[in-house]
Amino acid sequence: MIRKVIALACAAATLLLAACNTIQGAGKDIERGGEKLQGAAEKAKQ
């Protein structure tokens, strides 16, 4: 289950990075992706 979540998060991050046009936008996209991944990991622990 965790592997699927991580794979999905990586795929989403790849799409977000491909869609952004600036370094600042990439940083924000990466930060959001990390937050989502962290939230999914916390839910999986419970």
PDB file of N, CA and C in Angstrom:
ATOM      1  N   MET A   1       0.821  -1.196   0.000  1.00  0.00           N
ATOM      2  CA  MET A   1       0.000   0.000   0.000  1.00  0.00           C
ATOM      3  C   MET A   1       0.864   1.259   0.000  1.00  0.00           C
ATOM      4  N   ILE A   2       1.877   1.267   0.877  1.00  0.00           N
ATOM      5  CA  ILE A   2       2.765   2.425   0.969  1.00  0.00           C
ATOM      6  C   ILE A   2       3.490   2.633  -0.354  1.00  0.00           C
ATOM      7  N   ARG A   3       3.922   1.559  -0.988  1.00  0.00           N
ATOM      8  CA  ARG A   3       4.635   1.679  -2.264  1.00  0.00           C
ATOM      9  C   ARG A   3       3.750   2.313  -3.332  1.00  0.00           C
ATOM     10  N   LYS A   4       2.471   1.974  -3.329  1.00  0.00           N
ATOM     11  CA  LYS A   4       1.548   2.562  -4.293  1.00  0.00           C
ATOM     12  C   LYS A   4       1.393   4.061  -4.047  1.00  0.00           C
ATOM     13  N   VAL A   5       1.314   4.446  -2.779  1.00  0.00           N
ATOM     14  CA  VAL A   5       1.180   5.861  -2.420  1.00  0.00           C
ATOM     15  C   VAL A   5       2.422   6.631  -2.851  1.00  0.00           C
ATOM     16  N   ILE A   6       3.586   6.049  -2.575  1.00  0.00           N
ATOM     17  CA  ILE A   6       4.839   6.708  -2.955  1.00  0.00           C
ATOM     18  C   ILE A   6       4.948   6.810  -4.469  1.00  0.00           C
ATOM     19  N   ALA A   7       4.601   5.762  -5.187  1.00  0.00           N
ATOM     20  CA  ALA A   7       4.659   5.785  -6.646  1.00  0.00           C
ATOM     21  C   ALA A   7       3.702   6.832  -7.210  1.00  0.00           C
ATOM     22  N   LEU A   8       2.523   6.924  -6.643  1.00  0.00           N
ATOM     23  CA  LEU A   8       1.555   7.922  -7.085  1.00  0.00           C
ATOM     24  C   LEU A   8       2.065   9.330  -6.809  1.00  0.00           C
ATOM     25  N   ALA A   9       2.650   9.536  -5.643  1.00  0.00           N
ATOM     26  CA  ALA A   9       3.194  10.854  -5.296  1.00  0.00           C
ATOM     27  C   ALA A   9       4.338  11.233  -6.233  1.00  0.00           C
ATOM     28  N   CYS A  10       5.187  10.285  -6.564  1.00  0.00           N
ATOM     29  CA  CYS A  10       6.293  10.565  -7.496  1.00  0.00           C
ATOM     30  C   CYS A  10       5.767  10.901  -8.883  1.00  0.00           C
ATOM     31  N   ALA A  11       4.760  10.189  -9.325  1.00  0.00           N
ATOM     32  CA  ALA A  11       4.177  10.465 -10.635  1.00  0.00           C
ATOM     33  C   ALA A  11       3.538  11.857 -10.654  1.00  0.00           C
ATOM     34  N   ALA A  12       2.847  12.196  -9.585  1.00  0.00           N
ATOM     35  CA  ALA A  12       2.224  13.518  -9.499  1.00  0.00           C
ATOM     36  C   ALA A  12       3.287  14.612  -9.471  1.00  0.00           C
ATOM     37  N   ALA A  13       4.364  14.392  -8.730  1.00  0.00           N
ATOM     38  CA  ALA A  13       5.445  15.378  -8.665  1.00  0.00           C
ATOM     39  C   ALA A  13       6.074  15.574 -10.037  1.00  0.00           C
ATOM     40  N   THR A  14       6.242  14.488 -10.774  1.00  0.00           N
ATOM     41  CA  THR A  14       6.814  14.584 -12.119  1.00  0.00           C
ATOM     42  C   THR A  14       5.925  15.427 -13.026  1.00  0.00           C
ATOM     43  N   LEU A  15       4.633  15.202 -12.958  1.00  0.00           N
ATOM     44  CA  LEU A  15       3.707  15.985 -13.776  1.00  0.00           C
ATOM     45  C   LEU A  15       3.705  17.458 -13.372  1.00  0.00           C
ATOM     46  N   LEU A  16       3.748  17.711 -12.074  1.00  0.00           N
ATOM     47  CA  LEU A  16       3.766  19.096 -11.611  1.00  0.00           C
ATOM     48  C   LEU A  16       5.036  19.806 -12.044  1.00  0.00           C
ATOM     49  N   LEU A  17       6.166  19.126 -11.972  1.00  0.00           N
ATOM     50  CA  LEU A  17       7.420  19.739 -12.378  1.00  0.00           C
ATOM     51  C   LEU A  17       7.434  20.017 -13.879  1.00  0.00           C
ATOM     52  N   ALA A  18       6.846  19.129 -14.645  1.00  0.00           N
ATOM     53  CA  ALA A  18       6.808  19.328 -16.086  1.00  0.00           C
ATOM     54  C   ALA A  18       5.917  20.509 -16.452  1.00  0.00           C
ATOM     55  N   ALA A  19       4.940  20.802 -15.616  1.00  0.00           N
ATOM     56  CA  ALA A  19       3.985  21.860 -15.925  1.00  0.00           C
ATOM     57  C   ALA A  19       4.441  23.241 -15.462  1.00  0.00           C
ATOM     58  N   CYS A  20       5.395  23.315 -14.541  1.00  0.00           N
ATOM     59  CA  CYS A  20       5.780  24.630 -14.016  1.00  0.00           C
ATOM     60  C   CYS A  20       6.806  25.292 -14.918  1.00  0.00           C
ATOM     61  N   ASN A  21       6.814  26.614 -14.935  1.00  0.00           N
ATOM     62  CA  ASN A  21       7.672  27.367 -15.842  1.00  0.00           C
ATOM     63  C   ASN A  21       8.821  28.075 -15.147  1.00  0.00           C
ATOM     64  N   THR A  22       8.824  28.156 -13.843  1.00  0.00           N
ATOM     65  CA  THR A  22       9.878  28.887 -13.153  1.00  0.00           C
ATOM     66  C   THR A  22      10.452  28.060 -12.019  1.00  0.00           C
ATOM     67  N   ILE A  23      11.630  28.445 -11.576  1.00  0.00           N
ATOM     68  CA  ILE A  23      12.258  27.760 -10.448  1.00  0.00           C
ATOM     69  C   ILE A  23      11.418  27.946  -9.195  1.00  0.00           C
ATOM     70  N   GLN A  24      10.865  29.119  -9.004  1.00  0.00           N
ATOM     71  CA  GLN A  24      10.022  29.371  -7.838  1.00  0.00           C
ATOM     72  C   GLN A  24       8.788  28.472  -7.872  1.00  0.00           C
ATOM     73  N   GLY A  25       8.183  28.343  -9.029  1.00  0.00           N
ATOM     74  CA  GLY A  25       7.020  27.467  -9.178  1.00  0.00           C
ATOM     75  C   GLY A  25       7.378  26.014  -8.892  1.00  0.00           C
ATOM     76  N   ALA A  26       8.569  25.600  -9.332  1.00  0.00           N
ATOM     77  CA  ALA A  26       9.007  24.223  -9.077  1.00  0.00           C
ATOM     78  C   ALA A  26       9.172  23.989  -7.584  1.00  0.00           C
ATOM     79  N   GLY A  27       9.722  24.960  -6.882  1.00  0.00           N
ATOM     80  CA  GLY A  27       9.902  24.835  -5.440  1.00  0.00           C
ATOM     81  C   GLY A  27       8.574  24.677  -4.720  1.00  0.00           C
ATOM     82  N   LYS A  28       7.602  25.464  -5.132  1.00  0.00           N
ATOM     83  CA  LYS A  28       6.269  25.373  -4.512  1.00  0.00           C
ATOM     84  C   LYS A  28       5.622  24.022  -4.811  1.00  0.00           C
ATOM     85  N   ASP A  29       5.782  23.555  -6.045  1.00  0.00           N
ATOM     86  CA  ASP A  29       5.208  22.264  -6.424  1.00  0.00           C
ATOM     87  C   ASP A  29       5.838  21.133  -5.613  1.00  0.00           C
ATOM     88  N   ILE A  30       7.150  21.185  -5.453  1.00  0.00           N
ATOM     89  CA  ILE A  30       7.849  20.149  -4.695  1.00  0.00           C
ATOM     90  C   ILE A  30       7.408  20.176  -3.239  1.00  0.00           C
ATOM     91  N   GLU A  31       7.258  21.383  -2.692  1.00  0.00           N
ATOM     92  CA  GLU A  31       6.828  21.513  -1.301  1.00  0.00           C
ATOM     93  C   GLU A  31       5.433  20.920  -1.101  1.00  0.00           C
ATOM     94  N   ARG A  32       4.520  21.227  -1.995  1.00  0.00           N
ATOM     95  CA  ARG A  32       3.154  20.670  -1.895  1.00  0.00           C
ATOM     96  C   ARG A  32       3.164  19.147  -2.006  1.00  0.00           C
ATOM     97  N   GLY A  33       3.966  18.647  -2.932  1.00  0.00           N
ATOM     98  CA  GLY A  33       4.065  17.196  -3.096  1.00  0.00           C
ATOM     99  C   GLY A  33       4.598  16.526  -1.843  1.00  0.00           C
ATOM    100  N   GLY A  34       5.588  17.153  -1.227  1.00  0.00           N
ATOM    101  CA  GLY A  34       6.136  16.616   0.022  1.00  0.00           C
ATOM    102  C   GLY A  34       5.117  16.617   1.136  1.00  0.00           C
ATOM    103  N   GLU A  35       4.322  17.670   1.196  1.00  0.00           N
ATOM    104  CA  GLU A  35       3.283  17.741   2.229  1.00  0.00           C
ATOM    105  C   GLU A  35       2.255  16.637   2.035  1.00  0.00           C
ATOM    106  N   LYS A  36       1.867  16.405   0.798  1.00  0.00           N
ATOM    107  CA  LYS A  36       0.891  15.343   0.511  1.00  0.00           C
ATOM    108  C   LYS A  36       1.463  13.970   0.869  1.00  0.00           C
ATOM    109  N   LEU A  37       2.722  13.760   0.530  1.00  0.00           N
ATOM    110  CA  LEU A  37       3.364  12.486   0.828  1.00  0.00           C
ATOM    111  C   LEU A  37       3.480  12.286   2.336  1.00  0.00           C
ATOM    112  N   GLN A  38       3.807  13.344   3.044  1.00  0.00           N
ATOM    113  CA  GLN A  38       3.913  13.270   4.497  1.00  0.00           C
ATOM    114  C   GLN A  38       2.558  12.941   5.107  1.00  0.00           C
ATOM    115  N   GLY A  39       1.513  13.562   4.615  1.00  0.00           N
ATOM    116  CA  GLY A  39       0.170  13.278   5.109  1.00  0.00           C
ATOM    117  C   GLY A  39      -0.240  11.836   4.858  1.00  0.00           C
ATOM    118  N   ALA A  40       0.102  11.327   3.688  1.00  0.00           N
ATOM    119  CA  ALA A  40      -0.235   9.940   3.372  1.00  0.00           C
ATOM    120  C   ALA A  40       0.531   8.979   4.281  1.00  0.00           C
ATOM    121  N   ALA A  41       1.774   9.307   4.578  1.00  0.00           N
ATOM    122  CA  ALA A  41       2.577   8.450   5.456  1.00  0.00           C
ATOM    123  C   ALA A  41       1.997   8.451   6.878  1.00  0.00           C
ATOM    124  N   GLU A  42       1.558   9.612   7.339  1.00  0.00           N
ATOM    125  CA  GLU A  42       0.960   9.697   8.671  1.00  0.00           C
ATOM    126  C   GLU A  42      -0.331   8.873   8.748  1.00  0.00           C
ATOM    127  N   LYS A  43      -1.146   8.930   7.705  1.00  0.00           N
ATOM    128  CA  LYS A  43      -2.385   8.148   7.683  1.00  0.00           C
ATOM    129  C   LYS A  43      -2.082   6.654   7.670  1.00  0.00           C
ATOM    130  N   ALA A  44      -1.028   6.270   6.956  1.00  0.00           N
ATOM    131  CA  ALA A  44      -0.679   4.852   6.857  1.00  0.00           C
ATOM    132  C   ALA A  44      -0.171   4.310   8.190  1.00  0.00           C
ATOM    133  N   LYS A  45       0.449   5.173   9.000  1.00  0.00           N
ATOM    134  CA  LYS A  45       0.963   4.734  10.304  1.00  0.00           C
ATOM    135  C   LYS A  45      -0.163   4.413  11.270  1.00  0.00           C
ATOM    136  N   GLN A  46      -1.289   5.063  11.125  1.00  0.00           N
ATOM    137  CA  GLN A  46      -2.395   4.897  12.080  1.00  0.00           C
ATOM    138  C   GLN A  46      -3.148   3.678  11.814  1.00  0.00           C
TER     139      GLN A  46
END
